[in-house]
Amino acid sequence: MEATCRRPHHHVVVVVYLSGVLLAGALLTATTAALTDAEASSIAARQLLSFHEPGDGDLPDDFEFDIHVDVTFGNPRLRRAYGALQAWRCAIYSDPKNFTGNWVGPDVCSYFGVTCANALDDPTTTVVDGVDLNGGDIAGYLPVELGAMAELALFHTNSNRFCGIIPKSFNRLSLLHELDVSNNRFVGGFPHVVLEIPVLKYLDLRFNDFDGELPPELFKKDLDAIFVNSNRFVGAIPENLGNSTATVVVLANNGFVGCIPRSVGAMVGTLDQLVLLNNRLDGCLPPEIGELVNTTVVDVSGNKFVGTLPEGIVNMTGLEQLDVSRNQLAGGVAEGICELPVLANFSFGDNFFSVEAAACVPSLEKMVALNDSGNCFGDGRPEQKQQLSVRMCSQTPSTAGRTFVRGGHLTRHRRRNTHR
C-alpha cells in the first residue's frame, strides 16, 4: 500500500496511487497551536509554488486529474471531486481534530464534512455539492484543484488556519451559493475572484488579513449578505454602497475613512442590518440614513462622526438596535427616536450630546435599554463628562448647527449671517 502527493510543474496536476488505503498524506500534527507569522508565510509560499501557471492560481484549460487507482468511480464528476479533495489533503499541514482522517478511498460522499446530492442537470448523477470544515483548526492552504468541483453550492471553512489567497480557480464554481472563509489567515487585497462566482449570494471574509480598498463591484453584485469585518481594509466606502441588494452589510473593525455614502438610502427595500463600528469614518451622518425605514440594526459606534443625529431617524419604524456611541456627535437626542415602536436598545454614550428628551433618560422601568453615559447632560445626570471635558462640551463643533429639544422634538437654530 503506497500513497503519495506529487505535483508536476504543468498540466498533469495530481498523481495519486491508491490500493485499499489512500494517502497517509501531508504532515499532520497532534497538537493545536496558533500559527506564527513565519509559519503562515511559509504555507502561503507553498501555495504560490503549487500554482501551475504564474499568477493567482487558475486551472489550465486542459486540466485533468491523472489518478491511478484500482477502483472505479460512480461517475466522472465524483472522480474529479476525489482528485480535488486529495489535492486539498496534500495541502493540509495540521489537522488536530482529524477532520480529514477518513478522506481515504473513492467514496467521497462518506468523507467528513463532504455532502453529496443529485446533479441539477442530471438527477441520476451524484455529485459533491458541499464542503463544511468549520471549526477544524486546520492549517494549510486552498489548492487550485478545488476549482474542479464545479457542482459545489456551499464552501465553509471558518475557524481554521488556512493561509495564502483564494485561488483564481474558484471562479469555476458556477453553482457556489455560500462562501465562508472567515476566521483564517488569508492575505492580500480584496479577493476579486469572489465577484466572478456567478450565483454567489453569501460572502463571509471576516477575521482575516485582507487589505486595501473595497472594489465598487462588491456592491454591484447580487449578494444577500456581505461580511468583511475584522480585516485590514482601508479607504473610503465606495459611493455605490446603495446599489447593494444585501440584507446584511458588516464592514466593522477595519480602517475605513470618510463619510457614509449618501446612496445608503437606496437600500430601503432590502437592508436589514448595517454595521460599521470601529472604523475611522467621519463627517456627518447622512440624512439619507433616515430613509431606511425597514432596517432593524444600525451600528456606527466607535468612529469620528460629528454634527447631530439625522432628524429622519424618527421615521425608522423597523429599528430595533441603534448604536451611535463613541463618536463626536452633539446637539440633542429626540424623543421620537427613543419612542420608536420596536426599539429595544439605543446607545448614544461617549459623545457630546447636551440635551436629552425625557423619553431618552435611562430607566429600569422603560422597555428600551438606553445608554447616555459620557455626554454633556447637566441636571446631575450620572456618568457625564467631567472637568476638562466639560469645556469640550461647549466647544465641540457641529457642522449641522446647534440643535435643541423643545416639547420632545428636535428643532434647529442657526446663527444669522452677519457678513453680507
Protein backbone atom coordinates (compact mmCIF):
# COMPACT_ATOMS: atom_id res chain seq x y z
CA MET A 1 0.00 0.00 0.00
CA GLU A 2 1.52 3.29 -1.12
CA ALA A 3 0.26 6.83 -1.03
CA THR A 4 1.98 9.92 -2.40
CA CYS A 5 1.25 13.58 -3.04
CA ARG A 6 3.20 14.75 -6.06
CA ARG A 7 2.88 17.92 -8.08
CA PRO A 8 4.32 18.13 -11.57
CA HIS A 9 5.20 21.54 -12.97
CA HIS A 10 2.46 21.71 -15.58
CA HIS A 11 -0.82 20.30 -16.74
CA VAL A 12 -0.89 16.93 -15.01
CA VAL A 13 -1.98 18.16 -11.65
CA VAL A 14 -2.27 15.38 -9.13
CA VAL A 15 -1.00 11.82 -9.27
CA VAL A 16 -2.42 9.60 -6.57
CA TYR A 17 -1.60 5.92 -6.10
CA LEU A 18 -4.18 4.01 -4.13
CA SER A 19 -4.59 0.41 -3.13
CA GLY A 20 -7.04 -0.11 -0.31
CA VAL A 21 -5.70 2.73 1.87
CA LEU A 22 -5.01 6.06 0.21
CA LEU A 23 -2.76 8.90 1.16
CA ALA A 24 -1.15 8.74 4.53
CA GLY A 25 -0.89 12.32 3.40
CA ALA A 26 0.57 15.56 4.40
CA LEU A 27 2.24 16.01 7.74
CA LEU A 28 -0.44 16.23 10.43
CA THR A 29 0.40 17.33 13.95
CA ALA A 30 -1.41 16.15 17.05
CA THR A 31 -1.26 19.44 18.91
CA THR A 32 -3.09 22.68 18.30
CA ALA A 33 -1.21 25.97 18.25
CA ALA A 34 -1.67 29.36 16.67
CA LEU A 35 0.42 29.85 13.57
CA THR A 36 3.32 32.25 13.82
CA ASP A 37 3.67 34.84 11.08
CA ALA A 38 6.63 32.87 9.75
CA GLU A 39 4.60 29.66 9.57
CA ALA A 40 1.72 31.44 7.83
CA SER A 41 4.15 32.96 5.33
CA SER A 42 5.71 29.56 4.69
CA ILE A 43 2.33 27.97 3.96
CA ALA A 44 1.37 30.86 1.68
CA ALA A 45 4.68 30.47 -0.18
CA ARG A 46 3.99 26.77 -0.70
CA GLN A 47 0.63 27.65 -2.18
CA LEU A 48 2.25 30.01 -4.67
CA LEU A 49 4.78 27.35 -5.63
CA SER A 50 1.93 24.92 -6.28
CA PHE A 51 0.36 27.13 -8.95
CA HIS A 52 0.65 25.62 -12.40
CA GLU A 53 0.97 28.96 -14.13
CA PRO A 54 2.34 32.25 -12.80
CA GLY A 55 -0.41 34.39 -11.36
CA ASP A 56 -3.18 33.90 -8.87
CA GLY A 57 -3.98 30.22 -9.10
CA ASP A 58 -6.19 29.37 -12.05
CA LEU A 59 -6.54 25.91 -13.58
CA PRO A 60 -5.19 25.29 -17.10
CA ASP A 61 -7.92 25.00 -19.70
CA ASP A 62 -6.81 21.44 -20.49
CA PHE A 63 -6.75 20.43 -16.83
CA GLU A 64 -7.41 16.77 -16.00
CA PHE A 65 -6.62 14.68 -12.94
CA ASP A 66 -4.26 11.78 -13.56
CA ILE A 67 -5.47 9.33 -10.92
CA HIS A 68 -4.09 5.79 -10.67
CA VAL A 69 -6.43 3.69 -8.59
CA ASP A 70 -7.57 0.10 -8.57
CA VAL A 71 -11.27 1.02 -8.24
CA THR A 72 -13.82 2.81 -10.38
CA PHE A 73 -15.94 5.84 -9.54
CA GLY A 74 -19.69 6.24 -9.85
CA ASN A 75 -19.26 8.91 -12.49
CA PRO A 76 -16.60 11.31 -13.83
CA ARG A 77 -17.76 14.13 -11.55
CA LEU A 78 -17.09 12.08 -8.42
CA ARG A 79 -13.70 11.22 -9.88
CA ARG A 80 -12.90 14.91 -10.25
CA ALA A 81 -14.13 15.61 -6.72
CA TYR A 82 -11.90 12.83 -5.43
CA GLY A 83 -8.87 14.35 -7.15
CA ALA A 84 -9.66 17.82 -5.79
CA LEU A 85 -10.18 16.62 -2.22
CA GLN A 86 -6.98 14.60 -2.29
CA ALA A 87 -5.08 17.63 -3.58
CA TRP A 88 -6.53 19.56 -0.66
CA ARG A 89 -5.49 16.88 1.78
CA CYS A 90 -1.96 17.18 0.43
CA ALA A 91 -2.13 20.93 1.15
CA ILE A 92 -3.01 20.43 4.82
CA TYR A 93 -0.15 20.63 7.31
CA SER A 94 -2.03 20.29 10.57
CA ASP A 95 -5.40 18.69 11.30
CA PRO A 96 -5.53 18.44 15.10
CA LYS A 97 -9.16 17.31 15.21
CA ASN A 98 -8.60 14.76 12.44
CA PHE A 99 -11.42 16.16 10.32
CA THR A 100 -9.83 14.72 7.18
CA GLY A 101 -8.80 11.46 8.79
CA ASN A 102 -11.34 9.44 6.81
CA TRP A 103 -10.64 11.15 3.49
CA VAL A 104 -9.44 7.81 2.17
CA GLY A 105 -10.77 5.82 -0.76
CA PRO A 106 -13.07 6.66 -3.65
CA ASP A 107 -16.31 7.11 -1.64
CA VAL A 108 -16.02 10.88 -1.34
CA CYS A 109 -19.63 11.18 -0.17
CA SER A 110 -18.62 9.46 3.07
CA TYR A 111 -15.79 11.92 3.80
CA PHE A 112 -16.27 14.01 6.94
CA GLY A 113 -17.61 17.44 6.07
CA VAL A 114 -18.50 16.50 2.49
CA THR A 115 -22.09 16.31 1.28
CA CYS A 116 -23.47 14.91 -1.96
CA ALA A 117 -26.70 15.38 -3.89
CA ASN A 118 -28.21 14.71 -7.28
CA ALA A 119 -26.83 16.92 -10.03
CA LEU A 120 -29.10 19.77 -11.07
CA ASP A 121 -28.67 18.92 -14.75
CA ASP A 122 -28.97 15.14 -14.28
CA PRO A 123 -30.94 13.74 -11.31
CA THR A 124 -29.42 10.30 -11.91
CA THR A 125 -25.89 11.57 -11.29
CA THR A 126 -24.46 12.03 -7.78
CA VAL A 127 -22.13 14.97 -7.22
CA VAL A 128 -20.35 16.65 -4.32
CA ASP A 129 -22.40 19.76 -3.55
CA GLY A 130 -20.95 20.92 -0.23
CA VAL A 131 -17.86 21.09 1.96
CA ASP A 132 -18.11 22.20 5.60
CA LEU A 133 -14.95 22.06 7.72
CA ASN A 134 -15.97 24.82 10.14
CA GLY A 135 -14.09 24.82 13.43
CA GLY A 136 -11.46 22.29 12.42
CA ASP A 137 -8.41 24.39 13.39
CA ILE A 138 -6.83 23.03 10.20
CA ALA A 139 -3.63 24.64 8.91
CA GLY A 140 -2.91 24.63 5.20
CA TYR A 141 -3.93 26.36 2.01
CA LEU A 142 -6.59 26.11 -0.69
CA PRO A 143 -5.20 24.32 -3.78
CA VAL A 144 -6.23 25.37 -7.27
CA GLU A 145 -7.70 21.91 -7.85
CA LEU A 146 -10.72 22.83 -5.70
CA GLY A 147 -11.96 24.73 -8.73
CA ALA A 148 -12.62 21.39 -10.42
CA MET A 149 -15.60 20.71 -8.13
CA ALA A 150 -17.96 22.67 -10.34
CA GLU A 151 -21.11 21.42 -8.57
CA LEU A 152 -20.25 22.90 -5.16
CA ALA A 153 -23.08 25.01 -3.75
CA LEU A 154 -21.59 25.51 -0.28
CA PHE A 155 -17.98 26.00 0.82
CA HIS A 156 -17.50 26.62 4.56
CA THR A 157 -14.06 26.67 6.20
CA ASN A 158 -14.47 29.17 9.01
CA SER A 159 -12.38 28.98 12.20
CA ASN A 160 -9.35 27.25 10.76
CA ARG A 161 -5.80 28.30 9.97
CA PHE A 162 -5.84 28.36 6.19
CA CYS A 163 -3.29 30.77 4.73
CA GLY A 164 -2.42 32.35 1.42
CA ILE A 165 -5.05 33.53 -1.05
CA ILE A 166 -8.32 32.33 -2.52
CA PRO A 167 -7.23 30.84 -5.85
CA LYS A 168 -8.44 32.22 -9.16
CA SER A 169 -9.84 28.76 -9.97
CA PHE A 170 -12.78 29.47 -7.62
CA ASN A 171 -14.37 31.40 -10.48
CA ARG A 172 -15.12 27.96 -11.99
CA LEU A 173 -17.50 27.16 -9.13
CA SER A 174 -20.50 28.14 -11.20
CA LEU A 175 -23.10 26.88 -8.68
CA LEU A 176 -21.49 28.18 -5.48
CA HIS A 177 -24.11 29.92 -3.36
CA GLU A 178 -22.32 30.30 0.01
CA LEU A 179 -18.63 31.06 0.58
CA ASP A 180 -17.49 31.30 4.19
CA VAL A 181 -13.72 31.52 4.73
CA SER A 182 -13.93 33.62 7.90
CA ASN A 183 -11.53 33.42 10.83
CA ASN A 184 -8.48 32.18 8.96
CA ARG A 185 -5.15 33.71 7.87
CA PHE A 186 -5.90 34.70 4.28
CA VAL A 187 -3.96 37.70 2.99
CA GLY A 188 -3.72 40.10 0.07
CA GLY A 189 -6.10 42.61 -1.40
CA PHE A 190 -9.81 42.06 -1.67
CA PRO A 191 -10.20 38.66 -3.42
CA HIS A 192 -11.75 39.78 -6.70
CA VAL A 193 -12.28 36.17 -7.72
CA VAL A 194 -15.32 36.00 -5.43
CA LEU A 195 -17.01 38.61 -7.61
CA GLU A 196 -16.59 36.26 -10.58
CA ILE A 197 -18.57 33.44 -8.96
CA PRO A 198 -21.82 33.84 -10.88
CA VAL A 199 -24.54 32.86 -8.38
CA LEU A 200 -22.80 33.66 -5.09
CA LYS A 201 -25.24 35.07 -2.50
CA TYR A 202 -23.49 34.75 0.88
CA LEU A 203 -19.96 36.14 1.23
CA ASP A 204 -18.11 35.90 4.54
CA LEU A 205 -14.50 37.11 4.66
CA ARG A 206 -14.45 38.12 8.34
CA PHE A 207 -11.42 37.85 10.62
CA ASN A 208 -8.66 37.52 8.05
CA ASP A 209 -5.83 39.77 6.92
CA PHE A 210 -7.22 41.07 3.64
CA ASP A 211 -6.17 44.65 2.98
CA GLY A 212 -6.51 47.55 0.57
CA GLU A 213 -9.75 49.16 -0.57
CA LEU A 214 -13.12 47.60 -1.28
CA PRO A 215 -13.93 47.46 -5.00
CA PRO A 216 -17.16 49.18 -6.13
CA GLU A 217 -18.04 45.91 -7.88
CA LEU A 218 -18.76 44.39 -4.47
CA PHE A 219 -21.92 46.48 -4.22
CA LYS A 220 -22.95 45.76 -7.80
CA LYS A 221 -23.08 42.02 -7.22
CA ASP A 222 -26.42 40.44 -6.32
CA LEU A 223 -25.47 39.33 -2.79
CA ASP A 224 -27.71 38.65 0.20
CA ALA A 225 -25.00 39.03 2.85
CA ILE A 226 -21.65 40.83 2.94
CA PHE A 227 -19.33 40.20 5.89
CA VAL A 228 -15.88 41.77 5.54
CA ASN A 229 -15.39 42.90 9.13
CA SER A 230 -12.18 42.48 11.12
CA ASN A 231 -9.69 42.69 8.28
CA ARG A 232 -7.27 45.43 7.26
CA PHE A 233 -9.40 47.22 4.67
CA VAL A 234 -8.85 50.95 4.30
CA GLY A 235 -10.01 53.87 2.19
CA ALA A 236 -13.50 55.20 1.62
CA ILE A 237 -16.59 53.05 1.40
CA PRO A 238 -17.46 53.03 -2.33
CA GLU A 239 -20.08 55.61 -3.27
CA ASN A 240 -22.29 52.93 -4.85
CA LEU A 241 -22.96 51.25 -1.48
CA GLY A 242 -26.65 51.92 -2.06
CA ASN A 243 -26.67 49.69 -5.14
CA SER A 244 -26.21 46.63 -2.97
CA THR A 245 -29.03 44.12 -2.71
CA ALA A 246 -27.67 42.70 0.56
CA THR A 247 -29.85 42.39 3.63
CA VAL A 248 -26.79 42.42 5.90
CA VAL A 249 -23.70 44.60 5.37
CA VAL A 250 -20.99 44.34 8.04
CA LEU A 251 -17.84 46.42 7.48
CA ALA A 252 -16.82 46.76 11.14
CA ASN A 253 -13.32 46.71 12.63
CA ASN A 254 -11.37 47.92 9.62
CA GLY A 255 -9.75 51.23 8.72
CA PHE A 256 -12.41 52.84 6.54
CA VAL A 257 -12.38 56.63 6.40
CA GLY A 258 -14.61 59.37 5.08
CA CYS A 259 -18.38 59.56 5.08
CA ILE A 260 -21.13 57.00 4.79
CA PRO A 261 -22.18 57.28 1.13
CA ARG A 262 -25.45 59.15 0.71
CA SER A 263 -26.63 56.39 -1.60
CA VAL A 264 -27.30 54.30 1.53
CA GLY A 265 -30.93 55.42 1.46
CA ALA A 266 -31.48 53.45 -1.76
CA MET A 267 -31.20 50.23 0.27
CA VAL A 268 -34.56 50.82 1.92
CA GLY A 269 -36.17 47.85 0.21
CA THR A 270 -33.56 45.26 1.23
CA LEU A 271 -31.26 46.31 4.07
CA ASP A 272 -31.89 44.70 7.45
CA GLN A 273 -28.57 45.32 9.22
CA LEU A 274 -25.83 47.91 8.68
CA VAL A 275 -22.80 47.52 10.96
CA LEU A 276 -19.92 49.99 10.58
CA LEU A 277 -18.49 50.15 14.10
CA ASN A 278 -14.84 50.68 14.93
CA ASN A 279 -13.54 52.33 11.79
CA ARG A 280 -12.31 55.88 11.22
CA LEU A 281 -15.38 57.19 9.44
CA ASP A 282 -16.04 60.91 9.89
CA GLY A 283 -18.18 63.79 8.76
CA CYS A 284 -21.89 63.90 9.48
CA LEU A 285 -24.28 61.00 9.45
CA PRO A 286 -26.08 61.37 6.10
CA PRO A 287 -29.75 62.36 6.28
CA GLU A 288 -30.50 59.51 3.87
CA ILE A 289 -29.88 57.04 6.68
CA GLY A 290 -33.30 58.02 7.96
CA GLU A 291 -34.85 56.58 4.80
CA LEU A 292 -34.04 53.03 5.97
CA VAL A 293 -37.46 52.53 7.49
CA ASN A 294 -37.27 48.73 7.34
CA THR A 295 -33.76 48.32 8.75
CA THR A 296 -33.58 46.66 12.18
CA VAL A 297 -29.94 47.24 13.18
CA VAL A 298 -27.70 50.28 12.65
CA ASP A 299 -24.35 50.41 14.44
CA VAL A 300 -21.95 53.26 13.65
CA SER A 301 -20.23 53.32 17.04
CA GLY A 302 -16.52 53.86 17.53
CA ASN A 303 -15.96 56.28 14.65
CA LYS A 304 -15.39 60.04 14.36
CA PHE A 305 -18.81 61.29 13.29
CA VAL A 306 -19.69 64.88 14.12
CA GLY A 307 -22.81 67.01 13.83
CA THR A 308 -26.23 65.96 15.02
CA LEU A 309 -28.39 62.90 14.66
CA PRO A 310 -30.34 62.98 11.37
CA GLU A 311 -33.92 64.04 12.01
CA GLY A 312 -35.16 61.22 9.77
CA ILE A 313 -34.16 58.58 12.30
CA VAL A 314 -37.55 59.14 13.96
CA ASN A 315 -39.10 57.57 10.84
CA MET A 316 -37.11 54.31 11.10
CA THR A 317 -40.02 52.34 12.46
CA GLY A 318 -38.35 48.96 11.97
CA LEU A 319 -35.32 49.87 14.09
CA GLU A 320 -34.59 47.51 16.98
CA GLN A 321 -30.92 48.27 17.72
CA LEU A 322 -29.27 51.67 17.29
CA ASP A 323 -25.72 52.40 18.43
CA VAL A 324 -24.09 55.77 17.77
CA SER A 325 -21.82 55.70 20.83
CA ARG A 326 -18.14 56.67 20.90
CA ASN A 327 -18.28 59.42 18.29
CA GLN A 328 -18.21 63.23 18.46
CA LEU A 329 -21.90 63.86 17.92
CA ALA A 330 -23.51 66.85 19.59
CA GLY A 331 -26.86 68.60 19.99
CA GLY A 332 -29.93 66.81 21.30
CA VAL A 333 -31.41 63.33 21.41
CA ALA A 334 -35.02 63.47 20.28
CA GLU A 335 -37.97 61.83 21.95
CA GLY A 336 -39.12 60.37 18.66
CA ILE A 337 -36.03 58.15 18.45
CA CYS A 338 -36.42 56.73 21.92
CA GLU A 339 -40.09 56.01 21.30
CA LEU A 340 -39.69 54.13 18.04
CA PRO A 341 -42.22 51.26 18.15
CA VAL A 342 -39.89 48.23 18.22
CA LEU A 343 -36.69 49.81 19.53
CA ALA A 344 -35.02 47.59 22.12
CA ASN A 345 -31.53 49.07 22.52
CA PHE A 346 -30.26 52.60 21.92
CA SER A 347 -26.71 53.53 22.90
CA PHE A 348 -25.60 57.13 22.43
CA GLY A 349 -22.92 57.34 25.13
CA ASP A 350 -19.50 58.91 24.83
CA ASN A 351 -20.47 61.77 22.57
CA PHE A 352 -21.11 65.47 23.23
CA PHE A 353 -24.89 65.49 23.38
CA SER A 354 -26.12 68.23 25.69
CA VAL A 355 -29.93 67.98 25.51
CA GLU A 356 -31.87 64.81 26.23
CA ALA A 357 -35.62 64.26 25.88
CA ALA A 358 -37.29 62.73 28.93
CA ALA A 359 -38.10 59.60 26.97
CA CYS A 360 -34.36 59.05 26.40
CA VAL A 361 -33.28 59.16 30.05
CA PRO A 362 -32.29 55.61 31.08
CA SER A 363 -34.62 53.88 33.50
CA LEU A 364 -35.18 50.29 34.60
CA GLU A 365 -38.88 50.87 34.08
CA LYS A 366 -38.50 51.53 30.35
CA MET A 367 -38.81 48.88 27.69
CA VAL A 368 -35.81 50.28 25.83
CA ALA A 369 -32.26 49.72 27.09
CA LEU A 370 -30.68 53.19 26.93
CA ASN A 371 -27.08 54.28 27.46
CA ASP A 372 -26.39 58.02 27.73
CA SER A 373 -23.14 57.96 29.73
CA GLY A 374 -20.15 60.07 28.80
CA ASN A 375 -22.08 63.03 27.35
CA CYS A 376 -22.67 66.63 28.39
CA PHE A 377 -26.06 66.32 30.07
CA GLY A 378 -26.48 68.52 33.11
CA ASP A 379 -29.00 68.43 35.93
CA GLY A 380 -26.89 65.99 37.89
CA ARG A 381 -27.10 63.24 35.30
CA PRO A 382 -24.65 60.48 36.33
CA GLU A 383 -21.57 59.37 34.42
CA GLN A 384 -21.26 62.51 32.31
CA LYS A 385 -18.11 64.25 31.09
CA GLN A 386 -16.27 65.97 33.92
CA GLN A 387 -13.68 68.67 34.46
CA LEU A 388 -11.72 69.43 31.27
CA SER A 389 -14.23 67.53 29.16
CA VAL A 390 -16.94 69.99 30.19
CA ARG A 391 -15.08 72.71 28.32
CA MET A 392 -15.01 70.46 25.28
CA CYS A 393 -18.79 70.12 25.51
CA SER A 394 -19.20 73.83 24.87
CA GLN A 395 -16.58 73.92 22.12
CA THR A 396 -17.47 70.82 20.08
CA PRO A 397 -18.16 71.99 16.51
CA SER A 398 -21.30 70.87 14.75
CA THR A 399 -21.43 71.35 11.01
CA ALA A 400 -25.16 70.89 11.18
CA GLY A 401 -25.76 73.85 13.51
CA ARG A 402 -26.96 73.87 17.08
CA THR A 403 -29.84 71.59 17.97
CA PHE A 404 -32.32 71.87 20.84
CA VAL A 405 -35.14 69.75 22.19
CA ARG A 406 -38.46 71.56 22.60
CA GLY A 407 -41.52 69.67 23.63
CA GLY A 408 -39.72 66.42 22.99
CA HIS A 409 -38.93 67.33 19.34
CA LEU A 410 -35.71 68.41 17.75
CA THR A 411 -35.56 71.94 16.40
CA ARG A 412 -32.59 73.58 14.78
CA HIS A 413 -31.31 77.08 15.39
CA ARG A 414 -28.76 78.68 13.10
CA ARG A 415 -26.84 81.89 13.63
CA ARG A 416 -27.78 84.72 11.38
CA ASN A 417 -25.27 85.56 8.73
CA THR A 418 -23.89 88.97 9.73
CA HIS A 419 -21.44 89.00 6.84
CA ARG A 420 -23.36 90.09 3.77
